[in-house]
Protein backbone atom coordinates (compact mmCIF):
# COMPACT_ATOMS: atom_id res chain seq x y z
CA MET A 1 -8.42 -9.58 -15.48
CA ALA A 2 -9.83 -7.26 -12.86
CA GLU A 3 -9.38 -3.51 -12.81
CA ILE A 4 -8.61 -1.80 -9.54
CA LYS A 5 -7.99 1.87 -8.78
CA VAL A 6 -5.50 2.80 -6.08
CA GLU A 7 -4.87 6.31 -4.80
CA CYS A 8 -1.08 6.82 -4.66
CA TYR A 9 1.05 9.74 -3.44
CA ILE A 10 4.57 8.95 -4.73
CA ARG A 11 5.49 7.63 -8.16
CA HIS A 12 8.49 5.29 -7.94
CA CYS A 13 10.50 4.62 -11.10
CA THR A 14 12.51 1.39 -10.92
CA ASP A 15 13.69 1.34 -14.55
CA VAL A 16 17.38 0.37 -14.43
CA GLU A 17 17.92 1.56 -18.01
CA ILE A 18 17.49 5.26 -17.20
CA ILE A 19 19.81 7.74 -15.58
CA ARG A 20 17.95 8.74 -12.44
CA ALA A 21 17.11 12.43 -12.19
CA ASN A 22 16.56 14.13 -8.84
CA LEU A 23 12.87 13.21 -8.65
CA GLU A 24 13.71 9.53 -9.23
CA TRP A 25 16.18 9.66 -6.33
CA VAL A 26 13.63 11.40 -4.11
CA ALA A 27 11.04 8.70 -4.82
CA TYR A 28 13.61 5.91 -4.42
CA LYS A 29 14.75 7.12 -1.01
CA ALA A 30 11.24 7.98 0.13
CA VAL A 31 10.03 4.47 -0.66
CA ARG A 32 12.95 2.92 1.20
CA LEU A 33 12.04 4.87 4.33
CA VAL A 34 8.37 3.98 4.00
CA LYS A 35 9.40 0.32 3.81
CA GLY A 36 11.48 0.71 6.97
CA GLU A 37 14.85 0.63 5.21
CA PRO A 38 17.76 3.06 5.75
CA ILE A 39 18.98 5.44 3.06
CA ASN A 40 22.34 6.91 2.14
CA GLY A 41 22.48 10.69 2.15
CA SER A 42 19.31 12.78 2.16
CA PHE A 43 16.52 14.18 0.01
CA ASN A 44 14.38 17.30 0.25
CA PHE A 45 10.67 16.91 1.02
CA GLN A 46 7.87 19.15 2.23
CA VAL A 47 7.31 18.28 5.89
CA GLY A 48 4.72 20.42 7.61
CA GLY A 49 4.86 22.88 4.72
CA ILE A 50 8.61 23.37 5.13
CA THR A 51 11.24 22.01 2.76
CA THR A 52 13.17 19.59 4.95
CA SER A 53 16.32 17.57 4.41
CA VAL A 54 15.18 14.02 5.17
CA THR A 55 17.67 11.42 6.40
CA THR A 56 17.48 8.06 8.13
CA ALA A 57 17.96 9.92 11.41
CA ASN A 58 14.81 12.05 11.07
CA ALA A 59 12.76 9.51 9.08
CA LYS A 60 10.02 9.48 11.75
CA ASN A 61 9.07 13.07 10.87
CA PHE A 62 8.87 12.15 7.20
CA ILE A 63 6.73 9.06 7.88
CA ARG A 64 4.37 11.14 10.01
CA GLU A 65 4.03 13.65 7.16
CA ILE A 66 3.16 10.78 4.80
CA CYS A 67 0.56 9.58 7.30
CA ILE A 68 -0.93 13.08 7.57
CA GLN A 69 -1.17 13.40 3.79
CA THR A 70 -2.79 9.96 3.54
CA ALA A 71 -5.25 10.78 6.33
CA SER A 72 -6.27 13.97 4.54
CA ARG A 73 -6.87 12.06 1.31
CA ILE A 74 -8.96 9.38 3.02
CA LYS A 75 -11.05 11.95 4.85
CA LEU A 76 -11.61 13.91 1.63
CA LYS A 77 -12.62 10.89 -0.48
CA TYR A 78 -14.31 8.59 2.03
CA GLY A 79 -15.10 10.63 5.15
CA SER A 80 -14.49 9.47 8.71
CA GLY A 81 -17.00 6.62 8.72
CA VAL A 82 -14.57 4.05 7.34
CA THR A 83 -12.10 1.58 8.78
CA ILE A 84 -8.57 1.46 7.39
CA VAL A 85 -7.38 -2.11 6.90
CA PRO A 86 -3.69 -2.52 6.07
CA VAL A 87 -2.34 -5.15 3.70
CA PRO A 88 0.15 -6.89 6.02
CA ASN A 89 3.88 -6.78 5.47
CA SER A 90 5.67 -10.12 5.20
CA ASP A 91 6.08 -10.28 9.00
CA GLY A 92 2.34 -9.79 9.58
CA LEU A 93 1.69 -13.45 10.34
CA VAL A 94 -1.22 -15.19 12.05
CA SER A 95 1.32 -16.84 14.34
CA SER A 96 2.45 -13.46 15.70
CA ASN A 97 0.67 -10.76 17.68
CA ALA A 98 3.34 -8.19 16.87
CA PRO A 99 2.24 -5.08 14.98
CA PHE A 100 3.59 -4.86 11.44
CA ARG A 101 4.71 -1.67 9.72
CA THR A 102 1.64 -0.97 7.56
CA LEU A 103 -0.58 -1.55 10.61
CA GLN A 104 1.42 0.98 12.62
CA MET A 105 1.10 3.50 9.79
CA ALA A 106 -2.63 2.78 9.43
CA GLN A 107 -3.14 3.46 13.13
CA VAL A 108 -1.45 6.86 12.84
CA ILE A 109 -3.43 7.67 9.69
CA ALA A 110 -6.71 6.72 11.36
CA LYS A 111 -5.98 8.86 14.40
CA VAL A 112 -5.34 11.90 12.20
CA ALA A 113 -8.34 11.19 9.97
CA GLY A 114 -10.71 10.60 12.88
CA CYS A 115 -11.61 7.08 11.77
CA ASP A 116 -10.68 3.52 12.75
CA ALA A 117 -7.85 1.19 11.79
CA SER A 118 -8.14 -2.56 12.29
CA ASP A 119 -5.80 -5.53 12.18
CA VAL A 120 -8.06 -7.67 10.01
CA LEU A 121 -5.67 -9.50 7.67
CA ARG A 122 -2.64 -11.65 8.44
CA TRP A 123 -0.58 -14.01 6.29
CA LYS A 124 -1.13 -17.68 7.10
CA SER A 125 2.59 -18.37 6.66
CA ALA A 126 5.78 -16.63 5.56
CA LEU A 127 5.51 -15.55 1.93
CA GLY A 128 9.05 -16.51 0.96
CA LYS A 129 10.27 -16.35 -2.60
CA ALA A 130 6.90 -15.61 -4.17
CA HIS A 131 6.63 -12.38 -2.19
CA LYS A 132 10.07 -11.30 -3.43
CA GLY A 133 9.01 -11.54 -7.05
CA GLU A 134 11.00 -14.68 -7.78
CA LYS A 135 7.77 -16.43 -8.70
CA ALA A 136 4.60 -14.85 -10.08
CA ARG A 137 1.52 -14.87 -7.89
CA ASP A 138 -1.99 -13.96 -8.94
CA ALA A 139 -4.60 -12.29 -6.77
CA ASP A 140 -6.32 -15.58 -5.97
CA ALA A 141 -3.10 -17.02 -4.54
CA HIS A 142 -2.69 -13.96 -2.33
CA ALA A 143 -6.32 -14.21 -1.21
CA ASP A 144 -5.79 -17.87 -0.27
CA ALA A 145 -2.59 -16.98 1.62
CA LEU A 146 -4.39 -14.37 3.75
CA LYS A 147 -6.44 -15.14 6.85
CA VAL A 148 -9.26 -12.84 7.92
CA VAL A 149 -8.79 -12.68 11.69
CA ARG A 150 -11.89 -10.58 12.40
CA VAL A 151 -14.97 -9.32 10.59
CA ILE A 152 -16.00 -5.66 10.75
CA ASP A 153 -19.21 -4.03 9.54
CA ARG A 154 -17.89 -0.59 8.58
CA PRO A 155 -16.86 0.24 4.99
CA ILE A 156 -13.18 -0.54 4.43
CA VAL A 157 -10.36 1.43 2.83
CA LEU A 158 -7.44 -0.89 2.06
CA PHE A 159 -4.01 0.59 2.76
CA ASP A 160 -0.57 -0.52 1.57
CA ASP A 161 2.88 1.03 1.43
CA VAL A 162 3.80 0.25 -2.19
CA VAL A 163 1.70 -1.04 -5.09
CA THR A 164 3.36 -2.85 -7.99
CA SER A 165 1.07 -5.19 -9.94
CA GLY A 166 -1.83 -4.74 -7.54
CA SER A 167 -2.20 -8.50 -7.01
CA GLN A 168 -1.73 -8.31 -3.23
CA MET A 169 -4.15 -5.40 -2.91
CA TYR A 170 -6.77 -7.17 -5.00
CA GLY A 171 -6.14 -10.45 -3.20
CA ALA A 172 -6.81 -8.65 0.08
CA LYS A 173 -10.05 -7.26 -1.36
CA LEU A 174 -11.15 -10.74 -2.45
CA ALA A 175 -10.37 -12.18 0.99
CA LEU A 176 -12.40 -9.47 2.74
CA GLU A 177 -15.34 -9.68 0.37
CA ALA A 178 -15.46 -13.46 0.77
CA LYS A 179 -16.30 -12.79 4.43
CA GLY A 180 -19.05 -10.32 3.53
CA MET A 181 -17.11 -7.10 4.10
CA ARG A 182 -17.31 -4.08 1.81
CA VAL A 183 -14.19 -2.44 0.36
CA VAL A 184 -14.96 1.11 -0.77
CA GLY A 185 -11.46 2.29 -1.65
CA MET A 186 -7.76 1.50 -1.94
CA ILE A 187 -4.86 3.78 -1.07
CA ALA A 188 -1.09 3.40 -1.01
CA VAL A 189 1.89 5.61 -0.33
CA ALA A 190 3.63 4.78 -3.61
CA GLU A 191 3.14 3.07 -6.92
CA VAL A 192 5.88 1.38 -8.92
CA LEU A 193 5.78 2.86 -12.40
CA LYS A 194 5.76 0.93 -15.65
CA LYS A 195 8.90 0.89 -17.76
CA GLY A 196 9.36 4.21 -19.54
CA GLU A 197 7.41 6.24 -16.99
CA ARG A 198 9.25 8.75 -14.82
CA SER A 199 8.89 10.00 -11.27
CA ASP A 200 7.49 13.46 -10.66
CA SER A 201 6.63 15.60 -7.65
CA ALA A 202 4.60 13.96 -4.89
CA GLY A 203 0.85 14.35 -5.23
CA TRP A 204 -2.26 12.18 -5.26
CA ARG A 205 -3.08 10.30 -8.44
CA THR A 206 -5.17 7.25 -9.28
CA ALA A 207 -3.11 4.25 -10.34
CA ILE A 208 -4.99 1.68 -12.40
CA ARG A 209 -3.91 -1.94 -12.18
CA ASN A 210 -5.22 -5.11 -13.81
CA PRO A 211 -4.18 -7.99 -11.54
CA HIS A 212 -4.77 -11.51 -12.82
CA SER A 213 -7.56 -13.44 -11.11
CA MET A 214 -8.67 -16.87 -12.26
CA LYS A 215 -11.87 -16.40 -10.24
CA ASP A 216 -12.77 -13.33 -12.33
CA PHE A 217 -11.91 -15.21 -15.50
CA MET A 218 -14.17 -18.13 -14.59
CA ASP A 219 -16.99 -15.84 -13.46
CA ASN A 220 -16.94 -14.08 -16.83
CA PHE A 221 -16.32 -17.13 -19.01
CA PRO A 222 -19.30 -17.68 -21.34
CA PHE A 223 -20.36 -21.29 -20.83
């Protein structure tokens, strides 16, 4: 199994066996908005240094704040000489030229950070049930399902909205590296916590994931 490190801003607890406290509800609603989904009610969040009541109606301001925070983190850790490459959402298909949500966010982040964002990865076909967690997928399967639509020579920071197992993020890294590109970092808005872990206030932390990769297993198998 590989080990990857992903910088994450929000810690999202999905444990159905707990009674959600306020911070769990904040993370839950924040993640819904980041994924482009509506929320019921509101939650308080620091937007531009001011505690703001965030709703579906003013979600754009919240998303921009998330992009600003992400841009600051990228600039601090990697400088402005990188290209942000988003892991495509399920509608980010080779057959479509339409921008997908993580690409739109990456473009805003890059503008704030003073670097580039590039539409490098697209899914070869709709992900279907495997993407929804109804069937396990390892990193190699994700790498095979992704098409590299262009090659860039700048160092790459991979960006995603939410990281769970890390298999899509690592699959994206494998797909890029197979084309000779260099991934220097990974960053996401939120991480899904393991069972028993709880949400806390937003802030950057390093999430460690160990996605399964048969390629890594074979490379390290002692013949």
